[in-house]
N, C-alpha and C. Protein backbone atom coordinates (compact mmCIF):
# COMPACT_ATOMS: atom_id res chain seq x y z
N MET A 1 128.02 189.15 26.94
CA MET A 1 128.11 187.74 27.29
C MET A 1 127.80 187.51 28.76
N TYR A 2 128.29 188.41 29.65
CA TYR A 2 128.13 188.20 31.08
C TYR A 2 127.13 189.15 31.73
N GLN A 3 126.36 189.90 30.98
CA GLN A 3 125.50 190.91 31.57
C GLN A 3 124.45 190.36 32.53
N ASP A 4 124.00 189.12 32.38
CA ASP A 4 122.99 188.56 33.25
C ASP A 4 123.57 187.68 34.36
N THR A 5 124.88 187.69 34.49
CA THR A 5 125.54 186.83 35.46
C THR A 5 125.42 187.43 36.85
N ASP A 6 125.16 186.58 37.83
CA ASP A 6 125.09 187.00 39.22
C ASP A 6 126.40 187.65 39.64
N LYS A 7 126.33 188.71 40.42
CA LYS A 7 127.55 189.44 40.79
C LYS A 7 128.49 188.65 41.69
N PHE A 8 128.06 187.53 42.24
CA PHE A 8 128.90 186.73 43.11
C PHE A 8 129.62 185.60 42.38
N VAL A 9 129.43 185.50 41.09
CA VAL A 9 130.09 184.46 40.30
C VAL A 9 131.50 184.93 39.97
N ASP A 10 132.47 184.04 40.11
CA ASP A 10 133.86 184.36 39.79
C ASP A 10 134.07 184.14 38.30
N LEU A 11 134.00 185.21 37.54
CA LEU A 11 134.08 185.11 36.08
C LEU A 11 135.46 184.66 35.62
N ASN A 12 136.49 185.04 36.33
CA ASN A 12 137.84 184.60 35.97
C ASN A 12 137.98 183.09 36.14
N PHE A 13 137.41 182.58 37.22
CA PHE A 13 137.46 181.13 37.45
C PHE A 13 136.68 180.40 36.36
N GLU A 14 135.50 180.89 36.04
CA GLU A 14 134.69 180.27 34.99
C GLU A 14 135.43 180.27 33.65
N GLN A 15 136.10 181.37 33.35
CA GLN A 15 136.85 181.46 32.10
C GLN A 15 138.03 180.49 32.11
N SER A 16 138.69 180.31 33.25
CA SER A 16 139.81 179.36 33.30
C SER A 16 139.32 177.93 33.14
N VAL A 17 138.14 177.61 33.67
CA VAL A 17 137.56 176.28 33.48
C VAL A 17 137.23 176.08 32.00
N ARG A 18 136.64 177.09 31.40
CA ARG A 18 136.27 177.03 29.98
C ARG A 18 137.51 176.79 29.11
N GLN A 19 138.57 177.55 29.39
CA GLN A 19 139.80 177.42 28.60
C GLN A 19 140.45 176.05 28.82
N THR A 20 140.47 175.58 30.05
CA THR A 20 141.05 174.27 30.34
C THR A 20 140.27 173.17 29.65
N ALA A 21 138.94 173.25 29.70
CA ALA A 21 138.10 172.24 29.04
C ALA A 21 138.38 172.21 27.54
N TYR A 22 138.51 173.37 26.95
CA TYR A 22 138.79 173.45 25.51
C TYR A 22 140.15 172.84 25.18
N LEU A 23 141.16 173.16 25.99
CA LEU A 23 142.49 172.62 25.73
C LEU A 23 142.53 171.09 25.90
N LEU A 24 141.82 170.58 26.90
CA LEU A 24 141.74 169.13 27.10
C LEU A 24 141.05 168.47 25.90
N TRP A 25 139.97 169.08 25.45
CA TRP A 25 139.21 168.57 24.30
C TRP A 25 140.06 168.57 23.04
N GLU A 26 140.78 169.65 22.81
CA GLU A 26 141.67 169.72 21.64
C GLU A 26 142.77 168.66 21.72
N LYS A 27 143.36 168.52 22.89
CA LYS A 27 144.44 167.56 23.10
C LYS A 27 143.99 166.13 22.80
N ASP A 28 142.73 165.83 23.07
CA ASP A 28 142.18 164.49 22.84
C ASP A 28 141.63 164.31 21.43
N GLY A 29 141.87 165.26 20.54
CA GLY A 29 141.44 165.11 19.15
C GLY A 29 140.05 165.62 18.85
N ARG A 30 139.50 166.47 19.71
CA ARG A 30 138.18 167.07 19.52
C ARG A 30 137.05 166.06 19.31
N PRO A 31 136.89 165.11 20.22
CA PRO A 31 135.82 164.12 20.06
C PRO A 31 134.43 164.76 20.17
N PHE A 32 133.53 164.28 19.36
CA PHE A 32 132.17 164.79 19.32
C PHE A 32 131.35 164.24 20.50
N GLY A 33 130.54 165.09 21.13
CA GLY A 33 129.59 164.65 22.14
C GLY A 33 130.15 164.43 23.53
N SER A 34 131.28 165.03 23.86
CA SER A 34 131.89 164.81 25.17
C SER A 34 132.03 166.12 25.95
N GLU A 35 131.20 167.09 25.67
CA GLU A 35 131.34 168.40 26.27
C GLU A 35 131.32 168.36 27.80
N LYS A 36 130.36 167.66 28.36
CA LYS A 36 130.24 167.61 29.82
C LYS A 36 131.45 166.93 30.46
N GLN A 37 131.94 165.88 29.83
CA GLN A 37 133.10 165.18 30.36
C GLN A 37 134.29 166.14 30.49
N TYR A 38 134.53 166.93 29.45
CA TYR A 38 135.66 167.86 29.48
C TYR A 38 135.42 169.01 30.43
N TRP A 39 134.19 169.48 30.52
CA TRP A 39 133.87 170.55 31.45
C TRP A 39 134.15 170.11 32.88
N PHE A 40 133.69 168.91 33.25
CA PHE A 40 133.87 168.46 34.63
C PHE A 40 135.32 168.10 34.93
N ARG A 41 136.07 167.58 33.96
CA ARG A 41 137.51 167.35 34.16
C ARG A 41 138.22 168.67 34.41
N ALA A 42 137.88 169.68 33.60
CA ALA A 42 138.49 170.99 33.76
C ALA A 42 138.10 171.62 35.10
N LEU A 43 136.86 171.47 35.48
CA LEU A 43 136.40 172.01 36.76
C LEU A 43 137.17 171.38 37.91
N GLU A 44 137.33 170.06 37.88
CA GLU A 44 138.09 169.37 38.93
C GLU A 44 139.53 169.88 38.99
N GLU A 45 140.16 170.03 37.83
CA GLU A 45 141.54 170.53 37.78
C GLU A 45 141.65 171.94 38.35
N GLN A 46 140.74 172.80 37.95
CA GLN A 46 140.79 174.19 38.41
C GLN A 46 140.47 174.32 39.90
N LEU A 47 139.54 173.51 40.40
CA LEU A 47 139.25 173.52 41.83
C LEU A 47 140.45 173.03 42.63
N ALA A 48 141.11 171.99 42.15
CA ALA A 48 142.30 171.48 42.82
C ALA A 48 143.40 172.54 42.83
N ALA A 49 143.59 173.22 41.71
CA ALA A 49 144.61 174.27 41.63
C ALA A 49 144.26 175.42 42.57
N ARG A 50 143.00 175.78 42.62
CA ARG A 50 142.55 176.87 43.50
C ARG A 50 142.77 176.49 44.97
N GLU A 51 142.49 175.24 45.30
CA GLU A 51 142.68 174.77 46.68
C GLU A 51 144.16 174.78 47.04
N THR A 52 145.01 174.38 46.11
CA THR A 52 146.45 174.37 46.35
C THR A 52 146.96 175.78 46.60
N VAL A 53 146.49 176.73 45.82
CA VAL A 53 146.91 178.12 45.99
C VAL A 53 146.41 178.66 47.32
N SER A 54 145.19 178.35 47.71
CA SER A 54 144.64 178.88 48.95
C SER A 54 145.33 178.28 50.17
N ASP A 55 145.96 177.11 50.03
CA ASP A 55 146.69 176.48 51.13
C ASP A 55 148.07 177.10 51.33
N GLN A 56 148.56 177.86 50.35
CA GLN A 56 149.89 178.44 50.42
C GLN A 56 149.83 179.82 51.09
N PRO A 57 150.87 180.15 51.87
CA PRO A 57 150.90 181.49 52.46
C PRO A 57 150.95 182.56 51.37
N ASN A 58 150.21 183.62 51.55
CA ASN A 58 150.16 184.75 50.59
C ASN A 58 149.67 184.33 49.21
N GLY A 59 149.01 183.17 49.09
CA GLY A 59 148.47 182.74 47.81
C GLY A 59 149.53 182.32 46.81
N ALA A 60 150.73 182.02 47.29
CA ALA A 60 151.82 181.63 46.39
C ALA A 60 151.52 180.28 45.76
N ILE A 61 151.90 180.11 44.52
CA ILE A 61 151.72 178.84 43.83
C ILE A 61 152.91 177.95 44.14
N PRO A 62 152.68 176.74 44.65
CA PRO A 62 153.80 175.85 44.92
C PRO A 62 154.53 175.48 43.62
N PRO A 63 155.82 175.14 43.70
CA PRO A 63 156.60 174.87 42.49
C PRO A 63 155.98 173.84 41.55
N LYS A 64 155.44 172.73 42.05
CA LYS A 64 154.86 171.72 41.18
C LYS A 64 153.68 172.28 40.41
N ALA A 65 152.77 172.98 41.08
CA ALA A 65 151.60 173.55 40.41
C ALA A 65 152.02 174.60 39.37
N ALA A 66 153.03 175.38 39.68
CA ALA A 66 153.50 176.38 38.72
C ALA A 66 154.04 175.70 37.47
N ASN A 67 154.77 174.60 37.63
CA ASN A 67 155.30 173.87 36.48
C ASN A 67 154.18 173.24 35.67
N ASP A 68 153.16 172.71 36.33
CA ASP A 68 152.02 172.10 35.64
C ASP A 68 151.28 173.13 34.80
N SER A 69 151.05 174.32 35.36
CA SER A 69 150.31 175.32 34.61
C SER A 69 151.14 175.86 33.46
N ALA A 70 152.45 175.92 33.62
CA ALA A 70 153.31 176.38 32.53
C ALA A 70 153.31 175.37 31.38
N ALA A 71 153.21 174.09 31.71
CA ALA A 71 153.19 173.05 30.68
C ALA A 71 151.90 173.10 29.88
N ASN A 72 150.81 173.61 30.47
CA ASN A 72 149.52 173.68 29.78
C ASN A 72 149.42 174.88 28.85
N ASP A 73 150.35 175.84 28.97
CA ASP A 73 150.29 177.04 28.12
C ASP A 73 150.78 176.80 26.74
């Protein structure tokens, strides 16, 4: 699946965006033809979460973000 992927791509991040997009899509009843909408919503969420983590000392997840991610599981 990833053999042609550039070595500088963060595959874990891409997978988390993919999983988030799928969960958002499922939560909304699996509407047809909205793939890009869910991908970009998931991308925004994951970028915001990544930024929040990078702002914390030692990469710690702040309590609110930790609770949000636990609710999505």
